[in-house]
Amino acid sequence: MSQVPLPLELLGAPARTKPQAASERRPTHRVRAYLAVTDLRSVSLLVFTALASGVIGGGLHVPLRLWGIGLALALSCMGARAVANYIDRDIDALMERTRRRPLPSGAIAPIHALVLGLGLIATGSAMALAWFGPLVLLLVLFGLADNLVVYALLTKRTNPLSIVLGAPSGGAPAFIGYDAVTGRVD
């Protein structure tokens, strides 16, 4: 069994801190940083997949169900991205491509991203259960568990098959959208 690597600060590496510029203290900058930690571009692709499968299931006849599952799934996925950014903050700080993200750059405190992510996941999951029932919630939780536990925590840093093992979370929205409209998976 592989060991989950600890964040750098838990291994004794010095924490990266820098003073905030005046522009980074503005409310608009903070809102942008919180939106960036939720990764709206990747979330939009997942929501599009759910909506497309919902349309295939007959969702054009029940547009409020489509909007509802789009919203519930968007919140859950945004939360998952915030939690994933929390998990990856130590390695993001080391890579040129990712070190300007909100957590490694210091624009958002890590605990704030974690609380935001867990809150969004809870809200989206509660909406999925209340509006669409336990099967949709189960599919949402399956996607979240695969993405956050199997991919981000257990295999991303240790196993070359991590992309394959994390792939089901990318396909879950197709089942979620279809089931939200039809009430079944077939």
Protein backbone atom coordinates (compact mmCIF):
# COMPACT_ATOMS: atom_id res chain seq x y z
CA MET A 1 0.00 0.00 0.00
CA SER A 2 1.37 3.41 -0.90
CA GLN A 3 1.86 6.15 1.62
CA VAL A 4 0.10 9.47 1.15
CA PRO A 5 2.77 12.21 1.07
CA LEU A 6 2.47 14.95 3.66
CA PRO A 7 2.33 18.65 2.75
CA LEU A 8 5.75 20.29 2.80
CA GLU A 9 5.07 22.33 5.93
CA LEU A 10 4.35 19.11 7.85
CA LEU A 11 7.68 17.70 6.67
CA GLY A 12 9.56 20.65 8.16
CA ALA A 13 9.94 22.72 4.98
CA PRO A 14 9.57 26.48 5.54
CA ALA A 15 6.18 27.95 4.68
CA ARG A 16 6.13 30.40 1.78
CA THR A 17 4.80 33.76 2.83
CA LYS A 18 5.01 37.11 1.18
CA PRO A 19 3.47 40.47 2.00
CA GLN A 20 0.26 41.24 0.16
CA ALA A 21 0.29 44.05 -2.38
CA ALA A 22 -2.43 46.71 -2.06
CA SER A 23 -4.17 45.32 -5.16
CA GLU A 24 -4.37 41.87 -3.51
CA ARG A 25 -6.32 43.32 -0.57
CA ARG A 26 -9.13 44.68 -2.78
CA PRO A 27 -12.47 42.86 -2.55
CA THR A 28 -12.55 42.20 -6.30
CA HIS A 29 -9.13 40.54 -6.14
CA ARG A 30 -10.28 38.33 -3.27
CA VAL A 31 -13.47 37.34 -5.11
CA ARG A 32 -11.41 36.45 -8.18
CA ALA A 33 -9.05 34.38 -6.03
CA TYR A 34 -11.95 32.45 -4.50
CA LEU A 35 -13.44 31.87 -7.94
CA ALA A 36 -10.05 30.75 -9.23
CA VAL A 37 -9.72 28.15 -6.47
CA THR A 38 -13.03 26.62 -7.65
CA ASP A 39 -11.72 26.27 -11.24
CA LEU A 40 -14.86 27.30 -13.12
CA ARG A 41 -13.47 26.22 -16.50
CA SER A 42 -13.16 22.56 -15.58
CA VAL A 43 -16.45 22.69 -13.65
CA SER A 44 -18.23 24.07 -16.71
CA LEU A 45 -17.14 21.04 -18.74
CA LEU A 46 -18.50 18.64 -16.14
CA VAL A 47 -21.79 20.53 -15.91
CA PHE A 48 -22.05 20.61 -19.72
CA THR A 49 -21.66 16.83 -19.76
CA ALA A 50 -24.45 16.44 -17.20
CA LEU A 51 -26.74 18.81 -19.09
CA ALA A 52 -26.08 17.09 -22.42
CA SER A 53 -26.97 13.69 -20.97
CA GLY A 54 -30.01 15.24 -19.33
CA VAL A 55 -31.16 16.56 -22.70
CA ILE A 56 -30.70 13.08 -24.17
CA GLY A 57 -32.88 11.76 -21.34
CA GLY A 58 -35.68 14.18 -22.28
CA GLY A 59 -34.68 17.18 -20.20
CA LEU A 60 -35.96 19.73 -22.69
CA HIS A 61 -39.45 18.77 -21.50
CA VAL A 62 -38.46 19.47 -17.86
CA PRO A 63 -36.10 22.46 -18.04
CA LEU A 64 -36.26 23.18 -14.30
CA ARG A 65 -34.80 19.74 -13.61
CA LEU A 66 -31.95 20.52 -15.98
CA TRP A 67 -31.26 23.85 -14.31
CA GLY A 68 -31.50 22.24 -10.88
CA ILE A 69 -29.03 19.46 -11.59
CA GLY A 70 -26.73 21.94 -13.30
CA LEU A 71 -26.69 24.10 -10.18
CA ALA A 72 -26.34 21.22 -7.70
CA LEU A 73 -23.55 19.64 -9.72
CA ALA A 74 -21.77 22.96 -10.28
CA LEU A 75 -21.67 23.64 -6.54
CA SER A 76 -20.44 20.12 -5.76
CA CYS A 77 -17.75 20.26 -8.45
CA MET A 78 -16.62 23.75 -7.42
CA GLY A 79 -16.26 22.43 -3.88
CA ALA A 80 -14.27 19.45 -5.10
CA ARG A 81 -11.90 21.72 -7.00
CA ALA A 82 -11.37 23.92 -3.92
CA VAL A 83 -10.61 20.85 -1.78
CA ALA A 84 -8.30 19.47 -4.48
CA ASN A 85 -6.44 22.80 -4.55
CA TYR A 86 -6.10 22.53 -0.77
CA ILE A 87 -4.67 19.01 -1.11
CA ASP A 88 -2.20 20.04 -3.85
CA ARG A 89 -1.04 23.36 -2.39
CA ASP A 90 2.39 22.04 -1.47
CA ILE A 91 3.27 20.69 -4.91
CA ASP A 92 1.61 23.67 -6.63
CA ALA A 93 4.08 25.93 -4.82
CA LEU A 94 6.98 24.05 -6.41
CA MET A 95 5.87 24.13 -10.06
CA GLU A 96 6.32 27.15 -12.31
CA ARG A 97 2.94 26.60 -13.98
CA THR A 98 0.95 26.41 -10.73
CA ARG A 99 2.74 28.49 -8.13
CA ARG A 100 0.64 31.59 -8.88
CA ARG A 101 -2.59 29.79 -7.93
CA PRO A 102 -4.45 31.33 -4.98
CA LEU A 103 -3.19 28.95 -2.28
CA PRO A 104 0.53 28.73 -3.05
CA SER A 105 0.67 32.46 -3.81
CA GLY A 106 -0.91 33.31 -0.46
CA ALA A 107 -3.97 35.04 -1.93
CA ILE A 108 -6.23 32.69 0.09
CA ALA A 109 -5.49 30.99 3.38
CA PRO A 110 -5.54 27.19 2.93
CA ILE A 111 -8.16 26.70 5.64
CA HIS A 112 -10.47 29.15 3.84
CA ALA A 113 -10.25 27.11 0.64
CA LEU A 114 -10.95 23.91 2.56
CA VAL A 115 -13.98 25.38 4.36
CA LEU A 116 -15.27 26.87 1.10
CA GLY A 117 -14.87 23.56 -0.67
CA LEU A 118 -16.55 21.50 2.03
CA GLY A 119 -19.39 24.03 2.23
CA LEU A 120 -19.97 23.93 -1.52
CA ILE A 121 -19.89 20.13 -1.54
CA ALA A 122 -22.39 19.98 1.32
CA THR A 123 -24.71 22.49 -0.35
CA GLY A 124 -24.59 20.81 -3.76
CA SER A 125 -25.06 17.36 -2.23
CA ALA A 126 -28.02 18.52 -0.13
CA MET A 127 -29.64 20.04 -3.22
CA ALA A 128 -29.07 16.83 -5.19
CA LEU A 129 -30.71 14.76 -2.46
CA ALA A 130 -33.64 17.12 -1.88
CA TRP A 131 -34.43 17.75 -5.54
CA PHE A 132 -33.49 14.46 -7.22
CA GLY A 133 -33.32 11.73 -4.59
CA PRO A 134 -30.80 9.29 -3.19
CA LEU A 135 -29.59 7.79 -6.49
CA VAL A 136 -28.42 11.16 -7.82
CA LEU A 137 -26.79 11.90 -4.46
CA LEU A 138 -25.05 8.52 -4.56
CA LEU A 139 -23.68 9.27 -8.04
CA VAL A 140 -22.49 12.72 -6.94
CA LEU A 141 -20.77 11.23 -3.89
CA PHE A 142 -19.20 8.52 -6.04
CA GLY A 143 -17.70 11.17 -8.34
CA LEU A 144 -16.46 13.22 -5.39
CA ALA A 145 -14.91 10.19 -3.67
CA ASP A 146 -13.18 9.05 -6.84
CA ASN A 147 -11.79 12.51 -7.55
CA LEU A 148 -10.74 13.54 -4.06
CA VAL A 149 -9.85 10.25 -2.38
CA VAL A 150 -8.80 7.83 -5.13
CA TYR A 151 -7.18 10.36 -7.44
CA ALA A 152 -6.01 13.37 -5.39
CA LEU A 153 -5.11 11.69 -2.09
CA LEU A 154 -4.16 8.10 -2.92
CA THR A 155 -2.77 7.83 -6.44
CA LYS A 156 -1.88 11.20 -8.03
CA ARG A 157 1.58 11.41 -6.49
CA THR A 158 2.37 7.72 -6.28
CA ASN A 159 0.90 5.77 -9.19
CA PRO A 160 1.16 6.24 -12.97
CA LEU A 161 -2.36 4.80 -13.28
CA SER A 162 -3.81 7.74 -11.34
CA ILE A 163 -5.46 9.22 -14.44
CA VAL A 164 -7.17 5.92 -15.21
CA LEU A 165 -8.26 5.44 -11.60
CA GLY A 166 -9.54 9.02 -11.41
CA ALA A 167 -11.38 8.87 -14.73
CA PRO A 168 -14.73 7.66 -13.36
CA SER A 169 -15.22 11.01 -11.64
CA GLY A 170 -15.09 12.69 -15.05
CA GLY A 171 -17.76 10.35 -16.41
CA ALA A 172 -20.07 10.53 -13.39
CA PRO A 173 -21.80 13.74 -14.58
CA ALA A 174 -23.17 11.88 -17.61
CA PHE A 175 -24.98 9.46 -15.30
CA ILE A 176 -25.97 12.25 -12.93
CA GLY A 177 -27.62 14.39 -15.63
CA TYR A 178 -29.46 11.46 -17.18
CA ASP A 179 -30.68 10.11 -13.84
CA ALA A 180 -31.77 13.57 -12.65
CA VAL A 181 -34.11 13.84 -15.63
CA THR A 182 -35.31 10.24 -16.01
CA GLY A 183 -35.11 9.00 -12.41
CA ARG A 184 -33.16 5.91 -13.44
CA VAL A 185 -29.87 4.68 -14.86
CA ASP A 186 -30.39 2.41 -17.85
